[in-house]
Amino acid sequence: MTIDKSLKIRRGGTSNRSVLTRGERLAKLKEEDRWQEGDSPFGLAKVRVRKLVMKKKKKKAKEEDEEGGDSAA
């Protein structure tokens, strides 16, 4: 039996996760000094997950360079 296209893993690797594991949450809370060793791991504070967004390069800079080169010639 074959796997449906929608279930296959794409070449890009993994996508951004919106949930952290308990270990990851503890590490973030330690960095922010919101959790110390010996505290209960149950009822942890919420930790915001920030997603990286890639910005697109501006085409205007390239267009201005081309226009500037034509007028100088």
PDB file of N, CA and C in Angstrom:
ATOM      1  N   MET A   1       0.839  -1.179   0.000  1.00  0.00           N
ATOM      2  CA  MET A   1       0.000   0.000   0.000  1.00  0.00           C
ATOM      3  C   MET A   1       0.889   1.249   0.000  1.00  0.00           C
ATOM      4  N   THR A   2       0.538   2.244  -0.792  1.00  0.00           N
ATOM      5  CA  THR A   2       1.335   3.465  -0.892  1.00  0.00           C
ATOM      6  C   THR A   2       0.834   4.512   0.087  1.00  0.00           C
ATOM      7  N   ILE A   3       1.707   5.485   0.365  1.00  0.00           N
ATOM      8  CA  ILE A   3       1.364   6.584   1.266  1.00  0.00           C
ATOM      9  C   ILE A   3       0.802   7.735   0.446  1.00  0.00           C
ATOM     10  N   ASP A   4      -0.260   8.349   0.944  1.00  0.00           N
ATOM     11  CA  ASP A   4      -0.860   9.488   0.267  1.00  0.00           C
ATOM     12  C   ASP A   4       0.124  10.655   0.226  1.00  0.00           C
ATOM     13  N   LYS A   5       0.066  11.486  -0.813  1.00  0.00           N
ATOM     14  CA  LYS A   5       0.974  12.616  -0.966  1.00  0.00           C
ATOM     15  C   LYS A   5       0.930  13.566   0.230  1.00  0.00           C
ATOM     16  N   SER A   6      -0.246  13.790   0.786  1.00  0.00           N
ATOM     17  CA  SER A   6      -0.388  14.738   1.885  1.00  0.00           C
ATOM     18  C   SER A   6       0.267  14.236   3.174  1.00  0.00           C
ATOM     19  N   LEU A   7       0.535  12.936   3.269  1.00  0.00           N
ATOM     20  CA  LEU A   7       1.133  12.376   4.477  1.00  0.00           C
ATOM     21  C   LEU A   7       2.646  12.229   4.389  1.00  0.00           C
ATOM     22  N   LYS A   8       3.211  12.414   3.209  1.00  0.00           N
ATOM     23  CA  LYS A   8       4.653  12.272   3.048  1.00  0.00           C
ATOM     24  C   LYS A   8       5.374  13.467   3.651  1.00  0.00           C
ATOM     25  N   ILE A   9       6.585  13.222   4.129  1.00  0.00           N
ATOM     26  CA  ILE A   9       7.408  14.298   4.682  1.00  0.00           C
ATOM     27  C   ILE A   9       8.072  15.023   3.526  1.00  0.00           C
ATOM     28  N   ARG A  10       7.968  16.316   3.535  1.00  0.00           N
ATOM     29  CA  ARG A  10       8.560  17.113   2.459  1.00  0.00           C
ATOM     30  C   ARG A  10      10.041  17.299   2.690  1.00  0.00           C
ATOM     31  N   ARG A  11      10.729  17.750   1.677  1.00  0.00           N
ATOM     32  CA  ARG A  11      12.173  17.911   1.756  1.00  0.00           C
ATOM     33  C   ARG A  11      12.607  19.017   2.699  1.00  0.00           C
ATOM     34  N   GLY A  12      11.773  19.961   2.999  1.00  0.00           N
ATOM     35  CA  GLY A  12      12.165  21.109   3.800  1.00  0.00           C
ATOM     36  C   GLY A  12      12.459  20.808   5.249  1.00  0.00           C
ATOM     37  N   GLY A  13      12.246  19.593   5.710  1.00  0.00           N
ATOM     38  CA  GLY A  13      12.479  19.276   7.116  1.00  0.00           C
ATOM     39  C   GLY A  13      11.209  19.467   7.905  1.00  0.00           C
ATOM     40  N   THR A  14      11.341  19.974   9.120  1.00  0.00           N
ATOM     41  CA  THR A  14      10.172  20.144   9.971  1.00  0.00           C
ATOM     42  C   THR A  14       9.700  21.586   9.930  1.00  0.00           C
ATOM     43  N   SER A  15       8.444  21.787  10.225  1.00  0.00           N
ATOM     44  CA  SER A  15       7.907  23.139  10.276  1.00  0.00           C
ATOM     45  C   SER A  15       7.996  23.653  11.704  1.00  0.00           C
ATOM     46  N   ASN A  16       7.620  24.900  11.914  1.00  0.00           N
ATOM     47  CA  ASN A  16       7.645  25.479  13.252  1.00  0.00           C
ATOM     48  C   ASN A  16       6.609  24.807  14.131  1.00  0.00           C
ATOM     49  N   ARG A  17       7.005  24.461  15.341  1.00  0.00           N
ATOM     50  CA  ARG A  17       6.071  23.861  16.279  1.00  0.00           C
ATOM     51  C   ARG A  17       5.488  24.959  17.143  1.00  0.00           C
ATOM     52  N   SER A  18       4.248  24.816  17.530  1.00  0.00           N
ATOM     53  CA  SER A  18       3.615  25.821  18.372  1.00  0.00           C
ATOM     54  C   SER A  18       3.610  25.405  19.834  1.00  0.00           C
ATOM     55  N   VAL A  19       4.116  24.210  20.142  1.00  0.00           N
ATOM     56  CA  VAL A  19       4.113  23.710  21.513  1.00  0.00           C
ATOM     57  C   VAL A  19       5.509  23.207  21.855  1.00  0.00           C
ATOM     58  N   LEU A  20       5.987  23.531  23.064  1.00  0.00           N
ATOM     59  CA  LEU A  20       7.289  23.065  23.518  1.00  0.00           C
ATOM     60  C   LEU A  20       7.116  21.858  24.431  1.00  0.00           C
ATOM     61  N   THR A  21       8.146  21.013  24.477  1.00  0.00           N
ATOM     62  CA  THR A  21       8.123  19.903  25.423  1.00  0.00           C
ATOM     63  C   THR A  21       8.408  20.450  26.817  1.00  0.00           C
ATOM     64  N   ARG A  22       8.175  19.641  27.844  1.00  0.00           N
ATOM     65  CA  ARG A  22       8.400  20.104  29.216  1.00  0.00           C
ATOM     66  C   ARG A  22       9.863  20.497  29.414  1.00  0.00           C
ATOM     67  N   GLY A  23      10.775  19.717  28.866  1.00  0.00           N
ATOM     68  CA  GLY A  23      12.201  20.037  28.993  1.00  0.00           C
ATOM     69  C   GLY A  23      12.562  21.369  28.349  1.00  0.00           C
ATOM     70  N   GLU A  24      11.999  21.625  27.174  1.00  0.00           N
ATOM     71  CA  GLU A  24      12.255  22.900  26.491  1.00  0.00           C
ATOM     72  C   GLU A  24      11.668  24.061  27.277  1.00  0.00           C
ATOM     73  N   ARG A  25      10.482  23.861  27.842  1.00  0.00           N
ATOM     74  CA  ARG A  25       9.861  24.920  28.648  1.00  0.00           C
ATOM     75  C   ARG A  25      10.696  25.214  29.886  1.00  0.00           C
ATOM     76  N   LEU A  26      11.196  24.164  30.542  1.00  0.00           N
ATOM     77  CA  LEU A  26      12.035  24.367  31.726  1.00  0.00           C
ATOM     78  C   LEU A  26      13.307  25.130  31.378  1.00  0.00           C
ATOM     79  N   ALA A  27      13.919  24.804  30.247  1.00  0.00           N
ATOM     80  CA  ALA A  27      15.139  25.490  29.820  1.00  0.00           C
ATOM     81  C   ALA A  27      14.871  26.973  29.590  1.00  0.00           C
ATOM     82  N   LYS A  28      13.762  27.298  28.922  1.00  0.00           N
ATOM     83  CA  LYS A  28      13.425  28.711  28.675  1.00  0.00           C
ATOM     84  C   LYS A  28      13.143  29.443  29.978  1.00  0.00           C
ATOM     85  N   LEU A  29      12.413  28.794  30.888  1.00  0.00           N
ATOM     86  CA  LEU A  29      12.094  29.426  32.163  1.00  0.00           C
ATOM     87  C   LEU A  29      13.348  29.638  33.001  1.00  0.00           C
ATOM     88  N   LYS A  30      14.318  28.724  32.930  1.00  0.00           N
ATOM     89  CA  LYS A  30      15.583  28.899  33.650  1.00  0.00           C
ATOM     90  C   LYS A  30      16.342  30.100  33.119  1.00  0.00           C
ATOM     91  N   GLU A  31      16.351  30.261  31.776  1.00  0.00           N
ATOM     92  CA  GLU A  31      17.043  31.407  31.168  1.00  0.00           C
ATOM     93  C   GLU A  31      16.456  32.728  31.653  1.00  0.00           C
ATOM     94  N   GLU A  32      15.139  32.758  31.835  1.00  0.00           N
ATOM     95  CA  GLU A  32      14.448  33.974  32.255  1.00  0.00           C
ATOM     96  C   GLU A  32      14.359  34.091  33.774  1.00  0.00           C
ATOM     97  N   ASP A  33      14.985  33.171  34.510  1.00  0.00           N
ATOM     98  CA  ASP A  33      14.959  33.145  35.982  1.00  0.00           C
ATOM     99  C   ASP A  33      13.541  33.100  36.528  1.00  0.00           C
ATOM    100  N   ARG A  34      12.667  32.354  35.864  1.00  0.00           N
ATOM    101  CA  ARG A  34      11.289  32.183  36.333  1.00  0.00           C
ATOM    102  C   ARG A  34      11.080  30.809  36.958  1.00  0.00           C
ATOM    103  N   TRP A  35      12.146  29.974  36.971  1.00  0.00           N
ATOM    104  CA  TRP A  35      12.056  28.637  37.543  1.00  0.00           C
ATOM    105  C   TRP A  35      13.428  28.251  38.079  1.00  0.00           C
ATOM    106  N   GLN A  36      13.479  27.713  39.307  1.00  0.00           N
ATOM    107  CA  GLN A  36      14.730  27.272  39.913  1.00  0.00           C
ATOM    108  C   GLN A  36      14.674  25.768  40.162  1.00  0.00           C
ATOM    109  N   GLU A  37      15.849  25.154  40.300  1.00  0.00           N
ATOM    110  CA  GLU A  37      15.923  23.727  40.617  1.00  0.00           C
ATOM    111  C   GLU A  37      15.195  23.477  41.929  1.00  0.00           C
ATOM    112  N   GLY A  38      14.443  22.421  41.977  1.00  0.00           N
ATOM    113  CA  GLY A  38      13.707  22.084  43.189  1.00  0.00           C
ATOM    114  C   GLY A  38      12.248  22.505  43.134  1.00  0.00           C
ATOM    115  N   ASP A  39      11.909  23.428  42.238  1.00  0.00           N
ATOM    116  CA  ASP A  39      10.506  23.805  42.056  1.00  0.00           C
ATOM    117  C   ASP A  39       9.765  22.661  41.382  1.00  0.00           C
ATOM    118  N   SER A  40       8.459  22.618  41.571  1.00  0.00           N
ATOM    119  CA  SER A  40       7.654  21.563  40.972  1.00  0.00           C
ATOM    120  C   SER A  40       7.575  21.747  39.457  1.00  0.00           C
ATOM    121  N   PRO A  41       7.762  20.666  38.685  1.00  0.00           N
ATOM    122  CA  PRO A  41       7.640  20.768  37.229  1.00  0.00           C
ATOM    123  C   PRO A  41       6.189  20.776  36.754  1.00  0.00           C
ATOM    124  N   PHE A  42       5.252  20.632  37.690  1.00  0.00           N
ATOM    125  CA  PHE A  42       3.836  20.647  37.337  1.00  0.00           C
ATOM    126  C   PHE A  42       3.297  22.058  37.460  1.00  0.00           C
ATOM    127  N   GLY A  43       2.369  22.432  36.606  1.00  0.00           N
ATOM    128  CA  GLY A  43       1.783  23.770  36.640  1.00  0.00           C
ATOM    129  C   GLY A  43       2.766  24.842  36.218  1.00  0.00           C
ATOM    130  N   LEU A  44       3.560  24.558  35.196  1.00  0.00           N
ATOM    131  CA  LEU A  44       4.561  25.517  34.731  1.00  0.00           C
ATOM    132  C   LEU A  44       3.897  26.732  34.096  1.00  0.00           C
ATOM    133  N   ALA A  45       4.610  27.843  34.137  1.00  0.00           N
ATOM    134  CA  ALA A  45       4.127  29.061  33.497  1.00  0.00           C
ATOM    135  C   ALA A  45       4.165  28.893  31.983  1.00  0.00           C
ATOM    136  N   LYS A  46       3.347  29.671  31.298  1.00  0.00           N
ATOM    137  CA  LYS A  46       3.327  29.614  29.839  1.00  0.00           C
ATOM    138  C   LYS A  46       4.594  30.240  29.272  1.00  0.00           C
ATOM    139  N   VAL A  47       5.036  29.703  28.146  1.00  0.00           N
ATOM    140  CA  VAL A  47       6.226  30.205  27.469  1.00  0.00           C
ATOM    141  C   VAL A  47       5.843  30.511  26.032  1.00  0.00           C
ATOM    142  N   ARG A  48       6.122  31.730  25.604  1.00  0.00           N
ATOM    143  CA  ARG A  48       5.774  32.126  24.243  1.00  0.00           C
ATOM    144  C   ARG A  48       6.761  31.514  23.256  1.00  0.00           C
ATOM    145  N   VAL A  49       6.227  30.984  22.161  1.00  0.00           N
ATOM    146  CA  VAL A  49       7.048  30.418  21.095  1.00  0.00           C
ATOM    147  C   VAL A  49       7.068  31.437  19.971  1.00  0.00           C
ATOM    148  N   ARG A  50       8.255  31.892  19.632  1.00  0.00           N
ATOM    149  CA  ARG A  50       8.376  32.894  18.570  1.00  0.00           C
ATOM    150  C   ARG A  50       8.777  32.210  17.280  1.00  0.00           C
ATOM    151  N   LYS A  51       8.036  32.512  16.243  1.00  0.00           N
ATOM    152  CA  LYS A  51       8.317  31.934  14.932  1.00  0.00           C
ATOM    153  C   LYS A  51       9.170  32.902  14.137  1.00  0.00           C
ATOM    154  N   LEU A  52      10.142  32.357  13.421  1.00  0.00           N
ATOM    155  CA  LEU A  52      10.994  33.186  12.580  1.00  0.00           C
ATOM    156  C   LEU A  52      10.319  33.389  11.238  1.00  0.00           C
ATOM    157  N   VAL A  53      10.281  34.638  10.794  1.00  0.00           N
ATOM    158  CA  VAL A  53       9.690  34.960   9.511  1.00  0.00           C
ATOM    159  C   VAL A  53      10.783  35.540   8.636  1.00  0.00           C
ATOM    160  N   MET A  54      10.966  34.935   7.483  1.00  0.00           N
ATOM    161  CA  MET A  54      11.982  35.413   6.556  1.00  0.00           C
ATOM    162  C   MET A  54      11.415  36.583   5.757  1.00  0.00           C
ATOM    163  N   LYS A  55      12.169  37.678   5.719  1.00  0.00           N
ATOM    164  CA  LYS A  55      11.726  38.836   4.962  1.00  0.00           C
ATOM    165  C   LYS A  55      12.196  38.707   3.518  1.00  0.00           C
ATOM    166  N   LYS A  56      11.363  39.159   2.603  1.00  0.00           N
ATOM    167  CA  LYS A  56      11.720  39.117   1.192  1.00  0.00           C
ATOM    168  C   LYS A  56      12.620  40.298   0.872  1.00  0.00           C
ATOM    169  N   LYS A  57      13.542  40.073  -0.054  1.00  0.00           N
ATOM    170  CA  LYS A  57      14.439  41.151  -0.461  1.00  0.00           C
ATOM    171  C   LYS A  57      13.669  42.165  -1.287  1.00  0.00           C
ATOM    172  N   LYS A  58      14.048  43.405  -1.139  1.00  0.00           N
ATOM    173  CA  LYS A  58      13.368  44.473  -1.859  1.00  0.00           C
ATOM    174  C   LYS A  58      13.882  44.547  -3.293  1.00  0.00           C
ATOM    175  N   LYS A  59      12.960  44.668  -4.227  1.00  0.00           N
ATOM    176  CA  LYS A  59      13.321  44.792  -5.632  1.00  0.00           C
ATOM    177  C   LYS A  59      13.621  46.240  -5.994  1.00  0.00           C
ATOM    178  N   LYS A  60      13.165  47.188  -5.181  1.00  0.00           N
ATOM    179  CA  LYS A  60      13.348  48.609  -5.492  1.00  0.00           C
ATOM    180  C   LYS A  60      14.821  48.977  -5.571  1.00  0.00           C
ATOM    181  N   ALA A  61      15.634  48.418  -4.689  1.00  0.00           N
ATOM    182  CA  ALA A  61      17.062  48.748  -4.683  1.00  0.00           C
ATOM    183  C   ALA A  61      17.700  48.337  -6.013  1.00  0.00           C
ATOM    184  N   LYS A  62      17.345  47.192  -6.536  1.00  0.00           N
ATOM    185  CA  LYS A  62      17.891  46.735  -7.806  1.00  0.00           C
ATOM    186  C   LYS A  62      17.412  47.621  -8.950  1.00  0.00           C
ATOM    187  N   GLU A  63      16.139  48.014  -8.921  1.00  0.00           N
ATOM    188  CA  GLU A  63      15.585  48.859  -9.976  1.00  0.00           C
ATOM    189  C   GLU A  63      16.256  50.228  -9.980  1.00  0.00           C
ATOM    190  N   GLU A  64      16.523  50.775  -8.788  1.00  0.00           N
ATOM    191  CA  GLU A  64      17.169  52.082  -8.716  1.00  0.00           C
ATOM    192  C   GLU A  64      18.596  52.013  -9.273  1.00  0.00           C
ATOM    193  N   ASP A  65      19.304  50.905  -8.990  1.00  0.00           N
ATOM    194  CA  ASP A  65      20.657  50.755  -9.512  1.00  0.00           C
ATOM    195  C   ASP A  65      20.654  50.702 -11.033  1.00  0.00           C
ATOM    196  N   GLU A  66      19.675  50.000 -11.604  1.00  0.00           N
ATOM    197  CA  GLU A  66      19.584  49.896 -13.061  1.00  0.00           C
ATOM    198  C   GLU A  66      19.237  51.249 -13.670  1.00  0.00           C
ATOM    199  N   GLU A  67      18.317  51.990 -13.058  1.00  0.00           N
ATOM    200  CA  GLU A  67      17.940  53.306 -13.570  1.00  0.00           C
ATOM    201  C   GLU A  67      19.097  54.279 -13.471  1.00  0.00           C
ATOM    202  N   GLY A  68      19.816  54.214 -12.384  1.00  0.00           N
ATOM    203  CA  GLY A  68      20.961  55.113 -12.183  1.00  0.00           C
ATOM    204  C   GLY A  68      22.057  54.843 -13.176  1.00  0.00           C
ATOM    205  N   GLY A  69      22.277  53.601 -13.547  1.00  0.00           N
ATOM    206  CA  GLY A  69      23.317  53.223 -14.512  1.00  0.00           C
ATOM    207  C   GLY A  69      22.965  53.698 -15.911  1.00  0.00           C
ATOM    208  N   ASP A  70      21.688  53.713 -16.289  1.00  0.00           N
ATOM    209  CA  ASP A  70      21.265  54.138 -17.612  1.00  0.00           C
ATOM    210  C   ASP A  70      21.406  55.648 -17.786  1.00  0.00           C
ATOM    211  N   SER A  71      21.078  56.416 -16.746  1.00  0.00           N
ATOM    212  CA  SER A  71      21.127  57.872 -16.878  1.00  0.00           C
ATOM    213  C   SER A  71      22.553  58.364 -16.887  1.00  0.00           C
ATOM    214  N   ALA A  72      23.487  57.658 -16.268  1.00  0.00           N
ATOM    215  CA  ALA A  72      24.884  58.088 -16.237  1.00  0.00           C
ATOM    216  C   ALA A  72      25.564  57.830 -17.569  1.00  0.00           C
ATOM    217  N   ALA A  73      25.073  56.891 -18.351  1.00  0.00           N
ATOM    218  CA  ALA A  73      25.731  56.526 -19.619  1.00  0.00           C
ATOM    219  C   ALA A  73      25.408  57.466 -20.718  1.00  0.00           C
TER     220      ALA A  73
END
